[in-house]
Amino acid sequence: MRNKEIEEDKKKFLDLIHEAGFKDIKQFADNNEIGLKYSAITKWGVEKDKKGRLRPFPKWIFSWLRLYIENKKLSRFKEEKEIIIENIRLRKKMKSILSIIKSR
């Protein structure tokens, strides 16, 4: 893998961790659910192998982050939907109570 591609991967990785809500690589490493250590993550795109090539970013990390981001969005949507449904139920109950009060 060429160094230019690794630099592009590094930018893409940093963009994705910020989009996922992590302020930096350390926070991502501390909070991730895949068991990666900070020291391992910081070697991607920086550390060179015996042949002088930069250590590439694992390709699966990008899809993992995209799925993490999508899951966060869907979870937020689900919570908002549940709040809306609960508000609708409460409105119906209020209307029912008000109609009972008015009929007396």
PDB file of N, CA and C in Angstrom:
ATOM      1  N   MET A   1       0.853  -1.172   0.000  1.00  0.00           N
ATOM      2  CA  MET A   1       0.000   0.000   0.000  1.00  0.00           C
ATOM      3  C   MET A   1       0.900   1.236   0.000  1.00  0.00           C
ATOM      4  N   ARG A   2       0.568   2.184  -0.819  1.00  0.00           N
ATOM      5  CA  ARG A   2       1.374   3.382  -0.914  1.00  0.00           C
ATOM      6  C   ARG A   2       1.092   4.321   0.255  1.00  0.00           C
ATOM      7  N   ASN A   3       2.097   5.139   0.562  1.00  0.00           N
ATOM      8  CA  ASN A   3       1.964   6.066   1.682  1.00  0.00           C
ATOM      9  C   ASN A   3       0.825   7.068   1.479  1.00  0.00           C
ATOM     10  N   LYS A   4       0.568   7.466   0.229  1.00  0.00           N
ATOM     11  CA  LYS A   4      -0.518   8.404  -0.049  1.00  0.00           C
ATOM     12  C   LYS A   4      -1.867   7.789   0.334  1.00  0.00           C
ATOM     13  N   GLU A   5      -2.049   6.509  -0.004  1.00  0.00           N
ATOM     14  CA  GLU A   5      -3.294   5.820   0.357  1.00  0.00           C
ATOM     15  C   GLU A   5      -3.440   5.727   1.873  1.00  0.00           C
ATOM     16  N   ILE A   6      -2.330   5.501   2.546  1.00  0.00           N
ATOM     17  CA  ILE A   6      -2.376   5.407   4.011  1.00  0.00           C
ATOM     18  C   ILE A   6      -2.739   6.761   4.609  1.00  0.00           C
ATOM     19  N   GLU A   7      -2.212   7.830   4.046  1.00  0.00           N
ATOM     20  CA  GLU A   7      -2.562   9.175   4.519  1.00  0.00           C
ATOM     21  C   GLU A   7      -4.051   9.443   4.315  1.00  0.00           C
ATOM     22  N   GLU A   8      -4.585   9.012   3.182  1.00  0.00           N
ATOM     23  CA  GLU A   8      -6.021   9.166   2.925  1.00  0.00           C
ATOM     24  C   GLU A   8      -6.830   8.346   3.923  1.00  0.00           C
ATOM     25  N   ASP A   9      -6.356   7.119   4.201  1.00  0.00           N
ATOM     26  CA  ASP A   9      -7.032   6.273   5.189  1.00  0.00           C
ATOM     27  C   ASP A   9      -6.996   6.927   6.571  1.00  0.00           C
ATOM     28  N   LYS A  10      -5.871   7.549   6.911  1.00  0.00           N
ATOM     29  CA  LYS A  10      -5.746   8.198   8.221  1.00  0.00           C
ATOM     30  C   LYS A  10      -6.762   9.331   8.335  1.00  0.00           C
ATOM     31  N   LYS A  11      -6.891  10.138   7.279  1.00  0.00           N
ATOM     32  CA  LYS A  11      -7.867  11.230   7.294  1.00  0.00           C
ATOM     33  C   LYS A  11      -9.284  10.664   7.401  1.00  0.00           C
ATOM     34  N   LYS A  12      -9.567   9.625   6.622  1.00  0.00           N
ATOM     35  CA  LYS A  12     -10.888   9.001   6.655  1.00  0.00           C
ATOM     36  C   LYS A  12     -11.177   8.444   8.057  1.00  0.00           C
ATOM     37  N   PHE A  13     -10.184   7.793   8.664  1.00  0.00           N
ATOM     38  CA  PHE A  13     -10.335   7.237  10.001  1.00  0.00           C
ATOM     39  C   PHE A  13     -10.640   8.340  11.016  1.00  0.00           C
ATOM     40  N   LEU A  14      -9.855   9.411  10.985  1.00  0.00           N
ATOM     41  CA  LEU A  14     -10.073  10.510  11.929  1.00  0.00           C
ATOM     42  C   LEU A  14     -11.436  11.157  11.724  1.00  0.00           C
ATOM     43  N   ASP A  15     -11.836  11.333  10.464  1.00  0.00           N
ATOM     44  CA  ASP A  15     -13.164  11.883  10.178  1.00  0.00           C
ATOM     45  C   ASP A  15     -14.265  10.987  10.744  1.00  0.00           C
ATOM     46  N   LEU A  16     -14.111   9.683  10.568  1.00  0.00           N
ATOM     47  CA  LEU A  16     -15.130   8.738  11.050  1.00  0.00           C
ATOM     48  C   LEU A  16     -15.200   8.692  12.572  1.00  0.00           C
ATOM     49  N   ILE A  17     -14.049   8.734  13.250  1.00  0.00           N
ATOM     50  CA  ILE A  17     -14.137   8.684  14.721  1.00  0.00           C
ATOM     51  C   ILE A  17     -14.771   9.960  15.261  1.00  0.00           C
ATOM     52  N   HIS A  18     -14.535  11.096  14.588  1.00  0.00           N
ATOM     53  CA  HIS A  18     -15.204  12.330  15.018  1.00  0.00           C
ATOM     54  C   HIS A  18     -16.699  12.280  14.722  1.00  0.00           C
ATOM     55  N   GLU A  19     -17.059  11.765  13.557  1.00  0.00           N
ATOM     56  CA  GLU A  19     -18.481  11.623  13.214  1.00  0.00           C
ATOM     57  C   GLU A  19     -19.179  10.667  14.180  1.00  0.00           C
ATOM     58  N   ALA A  20     -18.432   9.679  14.665  1.00  0.00           N
ATOM     59  CA  ALA A  20     -18.992   8.715  15.614  1.00  0.00           C
ATOM     60  C   ALA A  20     -19.155   9.303  17.013  1.00  0.00           C
ATOM     61  N   GLY A  21     -18.603  10.511  17.212  1.00  0.00           N
ATOM     62  CA  GLY A  21     -18.784  11.172  18.506  1.00  0.00           C
ATOM     63  C   GLY A  21     -17.589  11.088  19.434  1.00  0.00           C
ATOM     64  N   PHE A  22     -16.485  10.577  18.953  1.00  0.00           N
ATOM     65  CA  PHE A  22     -15.278  10.511  19.768  1.00  0.00           C
ATOM     66  C   PHE A  22     -14.442  11.753  19.510  1.00  0.00           C
ATOM     67  N   LYS A  23     -13.896  12.352  20.585  1.00  0.00           N
ATOM     68  CA  LYS A  23     -13.127  13.583  20.389  1.00  0.00           C
ATOM     69  C   LYS A  23     -11.732  13.321  19.846  1.00  0.00           C
ATOM     70  N   ASP A  24     -11.204  12.129  20.114  1.00  0.00           N
ATOM     71  CA  ASP A  24      -9.871  11.796  19.610  1.00  0.00           C
ATOM     72  C   ASP A  24      -9.659  10.281  19.639  1.00  0.00           C
ATOM     73  N   ILE A  25      -8.481   9.862  19.186  1.00  0.00           N
ATOM     74  CA  ILE A  25      -8.175   8.427  19.122  1.00  0.00           C
ATOM     75  C   ILE A  25      -8.168   7.805  20.515  1.00  0.00           C
ATOM     76  N   LYS A  26      -7.688   8.536  21.497  1.00  0.00           N
ATOM     77  CA  LYS A  26      -7.628   8.005  22.874  1.00  0.00           C
ATOM     78  C   LYS A  26      -9.034   7.681  23.372  1.00  0.00           C
ATOM     79  N   GLN A  27      -9.957   8.600  23.164  1.00  0.00           N
ATOM     80  CA  GLN A  27     -11.331   8.344  23.610  1.00  0.00           C
ATOM     81  C   GLN A  27     -11.934   7.163  22.858  1.00  0.00           C
ATOM     82  N   PHE A  28     -11.657   7.065  21.560  1.00  0.00           N
ATOM     83  CA  PHE A  28     -12.128   5.931  20.777  1.00  0.00           C
ATOM     84  C   PHE A  28     -11.572   4.627  21.344  1.00  0.00           C
ATOM     85  N   ALA A  29     -10.272   4.606  21.616  1.00  0.00           N
ATOM     86  CA  ALA A  29      -9.639   3.395  22.142  1.00  0.00           C
ATOM     87  C   ALA A  29     -10.204   3.021  23.507  1.00  0.00           C
ATOM     88  N   ASP A  30     -10.456   4.019  24.346  1.00  0.00           N
ATOM     89  CA  ASP A  30     -10.978   3.763  25.691  1.00  0.00           C
ATOM     90  C   ASP A  30     -12.419   3.274  25.669  1.00  0.00           C
ATOM     91  N   ASN A  31     -13.178   3.685  24.664  1.00  0.00           N
ATOM     92  CA  ASN A  31     -14.609   3.381  24.641  1.00  0.00           C
ATOM     93  C   ASN A  31     -15.025   2.382  23.578  1.00  0.00           C
ATOM     94  N   ASN A  32     -14.118   1.925  22.767  1.00  0.00           N
ATOM     95  CA  ASN A  32     -14.565   1.044  21.682  1.00  0.00           C
ATOM     96  C   ASN A  32     -14.944  -0.328  22.225  1.00  0.00           C
ATOM     97  N   GLU A  33     -15.747  -0.987  21.464  1.00  0.00           N
ATOM     98  CA  GLU A  33     -16.286  -2.286  21.879  1.00  0.00           C
ATOM     99  C   GLU A  33     -15.608  -3.447  21.158  1.00  0.00           C
ATOM    100  N   ILE A  34     -14.476  -3.172  20.532  1.00  0.00           N
ATOM    101  CA  ILE A  34     -13.812  -4.232  19.784  1.00  0.00           C
ATOM    102  C   ILE A  34     -12.460  -4.608  20.371  1.00  0.00           C
ATOM    103  N   GLY A  35     -12.118  -4.024  21.505  1.00  0.00           N
ATOM    104  CA  GLY A  35     -10.937  -4.435  22.242  1.00  0.00           C
ATOM    105  C   GLY A  35      -9.601  -3.982  21.680  1.00  0.00           C
ATOM    106  N   LEU A  36      -9.577  -2.872  20.979  1.00  0.00           N
ATOM    107  CA  LEU A  36      -8.310  -2.364  20.460  1.00  0.00           C
ATOM    108  C   LEU A  36      -7.632  -1.483  21.494  1.00  0.00           C
ATOM    109  N   LYS A  37      -6.345  -1.615  21.585  1.00  0.00           N
ATOM    110  CA  LYS A  37      -5.583  -0.789  22.515  1.00  0.00           C
ATOM    111  C   LYS A  37      -5.130   0.486  21.809  1.00  0.00           C
ATOM    112  N   TYR A  38      -5.019   1.542  22.584  1.00  0.00           N
ATOM    113  CA  TYR A  38      -4.578   2.833  22.054  1.00  0.00           C
ATOM    114  C   TYR A  38      -3.230   2.696  21.359  1.00  0.00           C
ATOM    115  N   SER A  39      -2.321   1.961  21.972  1.00  0.00           N
ATOM    116  CA  SER A  39      -0.976   1.814  21.392  1.00  0.00           C
ATOM    117  C   SER A  39      -1.012   1.116  20.027  1.00  0.00           C
ATOM    118  N   ALA A  40      -1.944   0.212  19.831  1.00  0.00           N
ATOM    119  CA  ALA A  40      -2.070  -0.464  18.536  1.00  0.00           C
ATOM    120  C   ALA A  40      -2.665   0.474  17.487  1.00  0.00           C
ATOM    121  N   ILE A  41      -3.665   1.223  17.893  1.00  0.00           N
ATOM    122  CA  ILE A  41      -4.339   2.125  16.955  1.00  0.00           C
ATOM    123  C   ILE A  41      -3.392   3.216  16.475  1.00  0.00           C
ATOM    124  N   THR A  42      -2.593   3.759  17.379  1.00  0.00           N
ATOM    125  CA  THR A  42      -1.708   4.869  17.007  1.00  0.00           C
ATOM    126  C   THR A  42      -0.588   4.440  16.073  1.00  0.00           C
ATOM    127  N   LYS A  43      -0.370   3.155  15.913  1.00  0.00           N
ATOM    128  CA  LYS A  43       0.666   2.662  14.994  1.00  0.00           C
ATOM    129  C   LYS A  43       0.187   2.641  13.545  1.00  0.00           C
ATOM    130  N   TRP A  44      -1.131   2.616  13.353  1.00  0.00           N
ATOM    131  CA  TRP A  44      -1.669   2.583  11.998  1.00  0.00           C
ATOM    132  C   TRP A  44      -1.274   3.861  11.268  1.00  0.00           C
ATOM    133  N   GLY A  45      -0.700   3.714  10.117  1.00  0.00           N
ATOM    134  CA  GLY A  45      -0.339   4.866   9.296  1.00  0.00           C
ATOM    135  C   GLY A  45       0.886   5.617   9.769  1.00  0.00           C
ATOM    136  N   VAL A  46       1.555   5.120  10.834  1.00  0.00           N
ATOM    137  CA  VAL A  46       2.718   5.815  11.383  1.00  0.00           C
ATOM    138  C   VAL A  46       3.936   4.896  11.434  1.00  0.00           C
ATOM    139  N   GLU A  47       3.752   3.745  12.064  1.00  0.00           N
ATOM    140  CA  GLU A  47       4.862   2.814  12.247  1.00  0.00           C
ATOM    141  C   GLU A  47       5.233   2.153  10.922  1.00  0.00           C
ATOM    142  N   LYS A  48       6.511   1.993  10.713  1.00  0.00           N
ATOM    143  CA  LYS A  48       6.979   1.360   9.477  1.00  0.00           C
ATOM    144  C   LYS A  48       7.401  -0.081   9.742  1.00  0.00           C
ATOM    145  N   ASP A  49       7.205  -0.921   8.725  1.00  0.00           N
ATOM    146  CA  ASP A  49       7.654  -2.306   8.825  1.00  0.00           C
ATOM    147  C   ASP A  49       9.128  -2.390   8.420  1.00  0.00           C
ATOM    148  N   LYS A  50       9.669  -3.601   8.342  1.00  0.00           N
ATOM    149  CA  LYS A  50      11.086  -3.801   8.013  1.00  0.00           C
ATOM    150  C   LYS A  50      11.451  -3.308   6.618  1.00  0.00           C
ATOM    151  N   LYS A  51      10.452  -3.251   5.755  1.00  0.00           N
ATOM    152  CA  LYS A  51      10.702  -2.791   4.390  1.00  0.00           C
ATOM    153  C   LYS A  51      10.471  -1.286   4.237  1.00  0.00           C
ATOM    154  N   GLY A  52      10.183  -0.598   5.335  1.00  0.00           N
ATOM    155  CA  GLY A  52       9.996   0.842   5.306  1.00  0.00           C
ATOM    156  C   GLY A  52       8.607   1.294   4.898  1.00  0.00           C
ATOM    157  N   ARG A  53       7.657   0.359   4.828  1.00  0.00           N
ATOM    158  CA  ARG A  53       6.276   0.711   4.474  1.00  0.00           C
ATOM    159  C   ARG A  53       5.496   1.043   5.734  1.00  0.00           C
ATOM    160  N   LEU A  54       4.625   2.029   5.618  1.00  0.00           N
ATOM    161  CA  LEU A  54       3.784   2.384   6.759  1.00  0.00           C
ATOM    162  C   LEU A  54       2.784   1.272   7.031  1.00  0.00           C
ATOM    163  N   ARG A  55       2.533   1.052   8.303  1.00  0.00           N
ATOM    164  CA  ARG A  55       1.532   0.042   8.692  1.00  0.00           C
ATOM    165  C   ARG A  55       0.152   0.529   8.254  1.00  0.00           C
ATOM    166  N   PRO A  56      -0.550  -0.237   7.437  1.00  0.00           N
ATOM    167  CA  PRO A  56      -1.857   0.218   6.931  1.00  0.00           C
ATOM    168  C   PRO A  56      -2.945   0.153   8.003  1.00  0.00           C
ATOM    169  N   PHE A  57      -4.009   0.890   7.736  1.00  0.00           N
ATOM    170  CA  PHE A  57      -5.198   0.808   8.584  1.00  0.00           C
ATOM    171  C   PHE A  57      -5.947  -0.453   8.180  1.00  0.00           C
ATOM    172  N   PRO A  58      -6.439  -1.223   9.138  1.00  0.00           N
ATOM    173  CA  PRO A  58      -7.235  -2.397   8.755  1.00  0.00           C
ATOM    174  C   PRO A  58      -8.515  -1.937   8.057  1.00  0.00           C
ATOM    175  N   LYS A  59      -8.828  -2.543   6.941  1.00  0.00           N
ATOM    176  CA  LYS A  59      -9.992  -2.110   6.147  1.00  0.00           C
ATOM    177  C   LYS A  59     -11.312  -2.294   6.900  1.00  0.00           C
ATOM    178  N   TRP A  60     -11.379  -3.262   7.792  1.00  0.00           N
ATOM    179  CA  TRP A  60     -12.629  -3.517   8.504  1.00  0.00           C
ATOM    180  C   TRP A  60     -12.981  -2.379   9.460  1.00  0.00           C
ATOM    181  N   ILE A  61     -11.988  -1.578   9.873  1.00  0.00           N
ATOM    182  CA  ILE A  61     -12.270  -0.523  10.849  1.00  0.00           C
ATOM    183  C   ILE A  61     -13.213   0.530  10.269  1.00  0.00           C
ATOM    184  N   PHE A  62     -13.121   0.756   8.959  1.00  0.00           N
ATOM    185  CA  PHE A  62     -13.980   1.756   8.331  1.00  0.00           C
ATOM    186  C   PHE A  62     -15.437   1.302   8.319  1.00  0.00           C
ATOM    187  N   SER A  63     -15.673   0.045   7.966  1.00  0.00           N
ATOM    188  CA  SER A  63     -17.056  -0.447   7.959  1.00  0.00           C
ATOM    189  C   SER A  63     -17.588  -0.537   9.392  1.00  0.00           C
ATOM    190  N   TRP A  64     -16.722  -0.891  10.340  1.00  0.00           N
ATOM    191  CA  TRP A  64     -17.144  -0.962  11.744  1.00  0.00           C
ATOM    192  C   TRP A  64     -17.591   0.415  12.215  1.00  0.00           C
ATOM    193  N   LEU A  65     -16.799   1.435  11.899  1.00  0.00           N
ATOM    194  CA  LEU A  65     -17.157   2.796  12.313  1.00  0.00           C
ATOM    195  C   LEU A  65     -18.432   3.278  11.623  1.00  0.00           C
ATOM    196  N   ARG A  66     -18.584   2.971  10.350  1.00  0.00           N
ATOM    197  CA  ARG A  66     -19.808   3.376   9.649  1.00  0.00           C
ATOM    198  C   ARG A  66     -21.036   2.722  10.270  1.00  0.00           C
ATOM    199  N   LEU A  67     -20.920   1.453  10.609  1.00  0.00           N
ATOM    200  CA  LEU A  67     -22.036   0.753  11.260  1.00  0.00           C
ATOM    201  C   LEU A  67     -22.304   1.310  12.656  1.00  0.00           C
ATOM    202  N   TYR A  68     -21.253   1.660  13.365  1.00  0.00           N
ATOM    203  CA  TYR A  68     -21.386   2.267  14.694  1.00  0.00           C
ATOM    204  C   TYR A  68     -22.152   3.586  14.592  1.00  0.00           C
ATOM    205  N   ILE A  69     -21.777   4.408  13.603  1.00  0.00           N
ATOM    206  CA  ILE A  69     -22.436   5.697  13.380  1.00  0.00           C
ATOM    207  C   ILE A  69     -23.898   5.487  13.016  1.00  0.00           C
ATOM    208  N   GLU A  70     -24.155   4.566  12.103  1.00  0.00           N
ATOM    209  CA  GLU A  70     -25.530   4.279  11.674  1.00  0.00           C
ATOM    210  C   GLU A  70     -26.365   3.763  12.845  1.00  0.00           C
ATOM    211  N   ASN A  71     -25.785   2.913  13.663  1.00  0.00           N
ATOM    212  CA  ASN A  71     -26.490   2.383  14.829  1.00  0.00           C
ATOM    213  C   ASN A  71     -26.845   3.500  15.808  1.00  0.00           C
ATOM    214  N   LYS A  72     -25.921   4.437  16.005  1.00  0.00           N
ATOM    215  CA  LYS A  72     -26.202   5.571  16.884  1.00  0.00           C
ATOM    216  C   LYS A  72     -27.374   6.384  16.355  1.00  0.00           C
ATOM    217  N   LYS A  73     -27.376   6.639  15.044  1.00  0.00           N
ATOM    218  CA  LYS A  73     -28.462   7.411  14.441  1.00  0.00           C
ATOM    219  C   LYS A  73     -29.792   6.683  14.587  1.00  0.00           C
ATOM    220  N   LEU A  74     -29.786   5.369  14.308  1.00  0.00           N
ATOM    221  CA  LEU A  74     -31.026   4.595  14.409  1.00  0.00           C
ATOM    222  C   LEU A  74     -31.512   4.502  15.850  1.00  0.00           C
ATOM    223  N   SER A  75     -30.580   4.388  16.786  1.00  0.00           N
ATOM    224  CA  SER A  75     -30.957   4.339  18.204  1.00  0.00           C
ATOM    225  C   SER A  75     -31.601   5.648  18.621  1.00  0.00           C
ATOM    226  N   ARG A  76     -31.026   6.768  18.167  1.00  0.00           N
ATOM    227  CA  ARG A  76     -31.585   8.083  18.466  1.00  0.00           C
ATOM    228  C   ARG A  76     -32.981   8.211  17.853  1.00  0.00           C
ATOM    229  N   PHE A  77     -33.123   7.747  16.613  1.00  0.00           N
ATOM    230  CA  PHE A  77     -34.421   7.798  15.934  1.00  0.00           C
ATOM    231  C   PHE A  77     -35.447   6.955  16.691  1.00  0.00           C
ATOM    232  N   LYS A  78     -35.027   5.776  17.126  1.00  0.00           N
ATOM    233  CA  LYS A  78     -35.934   4.885  17.858  1.00  0.00           C
ATOM    234  C   LYS A  78     -36.398   5.554  19.158  1.00  0.00           C
ATOM    235  N   GLU A  79     -35.470   6.181  19.875  1.00  0.00           N
ATOM    236  CA  GLU A  79     -35.830   6.870  21.110  1.00  0.00           C
ATOM    237  C   GLU A  79     -36.810   8.006  20.831  1.00  0.00           C
ATOM    238  N   GLU A  80     -36.541   8.788  19.782  1.00  0.00           N
ATOM    239  CA  GLU A  80     -37.436   9.892  19.421  1.00  0.00           C
ATOM    240  C   GLU A  80     -38.809   9.369  19.042  1.00  0.00           C
ATOM    241  N   LYS A  81     -38.848   8.259  18.297  1.00  0.00           N
ATOM    242  CA  LYS A  81     -40.123   7.664  17.891  1.00  0.00           C
ATOM    243  C   LYS A  81     -40.910   7.216  19.119  1.00  0.00           C
ATOM    244  N   GLU A  82     -40.232   6.607  20.082  1.00  0.00           N
ATOM    245  CA  GLU A  82     -40.910   6.150  21.292  1.00  0.00           C
ATOM    246  C   GLU A  82     -41.462   7.330  22.092  1.00  0.00           C
ATOM    247  N   ILE A  83     -40.730   8.437  22.116  1.00  0.00           N
ATOM    248  CA  ILE A  83     -41.208   9.636  22.808  1.00  0.00           C
ATOM    249  C   ILE A  83     -42.446  10.185  22.108  1.00  0.00           C
ATOM    250  N   ILE A  84     -42.422  10.219  20.793  1.00  0.00           N
ATOM    251  CA  ILE A  84     -43.577  10.714  20.027  1.00  0.00           C
ATOM    252  C   ILE A  84     -44.795   9.833  20.277  1.00  0.00           C
ATOM    253  N   ILE A  85     -44.595   8.529  20.248  1.00  0.00           N
ATOM    254  CA  ILE A  85     -45.710   7.594  20.489  1.00  0.00           C
ATOM    255  C   ILE A  85     -46.271   7.794  21.892  1.00  0.00           C
ATOM    256  N   GLU A  86     -45.404   7.965  22.865  1.00  0.00           N
ATOM    257  CA  GLU A  86     -45.857   8.190  24.243  1.00  0.00           C
ATOM    258  C   GLU A  86     -46.624   9.510  24.352  1.00  0.00           C
ATOM    259  N   ASN A  87     -46.149  10.532  23.644  1.00  0.00           N
ATOM    260  CA  ASN A  87     -46.864  11.821  23.653  1.00  0.00           C
ATOM    261  C   ASN A  87     -48.248  11.684  23.037  1.00  0.00           C
ATOM    262  N   ILE A  88     -48.362  10.919  21.972  1.00  0.00           N
ATOM    263  CA  ILE A  88     -49.665  10.690  21.342  1.00  0.00           C
ATOM    264  C   ILE A  88     -50.602   9.981  22.317  1.00  0.00           C
ATOM    265  N   ARG A  89     -50.091   8.978  23.004  1.00  0.00           N
ATOM    266  CA  ARG A  89     -50.912   8.253  23.996  1.00  0.00           C
ATOM    267  C   ARG A  89     -51.370   9.195  25.102  1.00  0.00           C
ATOM    268  N   LEU A  90     -50.463  10.036  25.576  1.00  0.00           N
ATOM    269  CA  LEU A  90     -50.821  10.979  26.641  1.00  0.00           C
ATOM    270  C   LEU A  90     -51.877  11.978  26.169  1.00  0.00           C
ATOM    271  N   ARG A  91     -51.748  12.459  24.926  1.00  0.00           N
ATOM    272  CA  ARG A  91     -52.751  13.377  24.376  1.00  0.00           C
ATOM    273  C   ARG A  91     -54.127  12.726  24.319  1.00  0.00           C
ATOM    274  N   LYS A  92     -54.145  11.456  23.887  1.00  0.00           N
ATOM    275  CA  LYS A  92     -55.428  10.740  23.821  1.00  0.00           C
ATOM    276  C   LYS A  92     -56.035  10.603  25.210  1.00  0.00           C
ATOM    277  N   LYS A  93     -55.203  10.289  26.201  1.00  0.00           N
ATOM    278  CA  LYS A  93     -55.703  10.175  27.570  1.00  0.00           C
ATOM    279  C   LYS A  93     -56.215  11.518  28.069  1.00  0.00           C
ATOM    280  N   MET A  94     -55.472  12.594  27.763  1.00  0.00           N
ATOM    281  CA  MET A  94     -55.891  13.929  28.187  1.00  0.00           C
ATOM    282  C   MET A  94     -57.224  14.297  27.552  1.00  0.00           C
ATOM    283  N   LYS A  95     -57.379  14.018  26.258  1.00  0.00           N
ATOM    284  CA  LYS A  95     -58.647  14.310  25.580  1.00  0.00           C
ATOM    285  C   LYS A  95     -59.790  13.528  26.216  1.00  0.00           C
ATOM    286  N   SER A  96     -59.510  12.271  26.539  1.00  0.00           N
ATOM    287  CA  SER A  96     -60.527  11.433  27.171  1.00  0.00           C
ATOM    288  C   SER A  96     -60.902  11.990  28.538  1.00  0.00           C
ATOM    289  N   ILE A  97     -59.915  12.389  29.300  1.00  0.00           N
ATOM    290  CA  ILE A  97     -60.178  12.950  30.641  1.00  0.00           C
ATOM    291  C   ILE A  97     -60.946  14.257  30.523  1.00  0.00           C
ATOM    292  N   LEU A  98     -60.526  15.100  29.584  1.00  0.00           N
ATOM    293  CA  LEU A  98     -61.218  16.386  29.395  1.00  0.00           C
ATOM    294  C   LEU A  98     -62.660  16.178  28.966  1.00  0.00           C
ATOM    295  N   SER A  99     -62.906  15.222  28.086  1.00  0.00           N
ATOM    296  CA  SER A  99     -64.289  14.964  27.655  1.00  0.00           C
ATOM    297  C   SER A  99     -65.138  14.452  28.831  1.00  0.00           C
ATOM    298  N   ILE A 100     -64.541  13.676  29.709  1.00  0.00           N
ATOM    299  CA  ILE A 100     -65.280  13.188  30.900  1.00  0.00           C
ATOM    300  C   ILE A 100     -65.596  14.364  31.825  1.00  0.00           C
ATOM    301  N   ILE A 101     -64.610  15.238  32.007  1.00  0.00           N
ATOM    302  CA  ILE A 101     -64.810  16.404  32.888  1.00  0.00           C
ATOM    303  C   ILE A 101     -65.878  17.328  32.309  1.00  0.00           C
ATOM    304  N   LYS A 102     -65.845  17.570  31.018  1.00  0.00           N
ATOM    305  CA  LYS A 102     -66.814  18.461  30.375  1.00  0.00           C
ATOM    306  C   LYS A 102     -68.227  17.871  30.403  1.00  0.00           C
ATOM    307  N   SER A 103     -68.322  16.559  30.364  1.00  0.00           N
ATOM    308  CA  SER A 103     -69.650  15.942  30.353  1.00  0.00           C
ATOM    309  C   SER A 103     -70.307  15.962  31.733  1.00  0.00           C
ATOM    310  N   ARG A 104     -69.605  16.278  32.756  1.00  0.00           N
ATOM    311  CA  ARG A 104     -70.177  16.292  34.116  1.00  0.00           C
ATOM    312  C   ARG A 104     -70.778  17.576  34.446  1.00  0.00           C
TER     313      ARG A 104
END
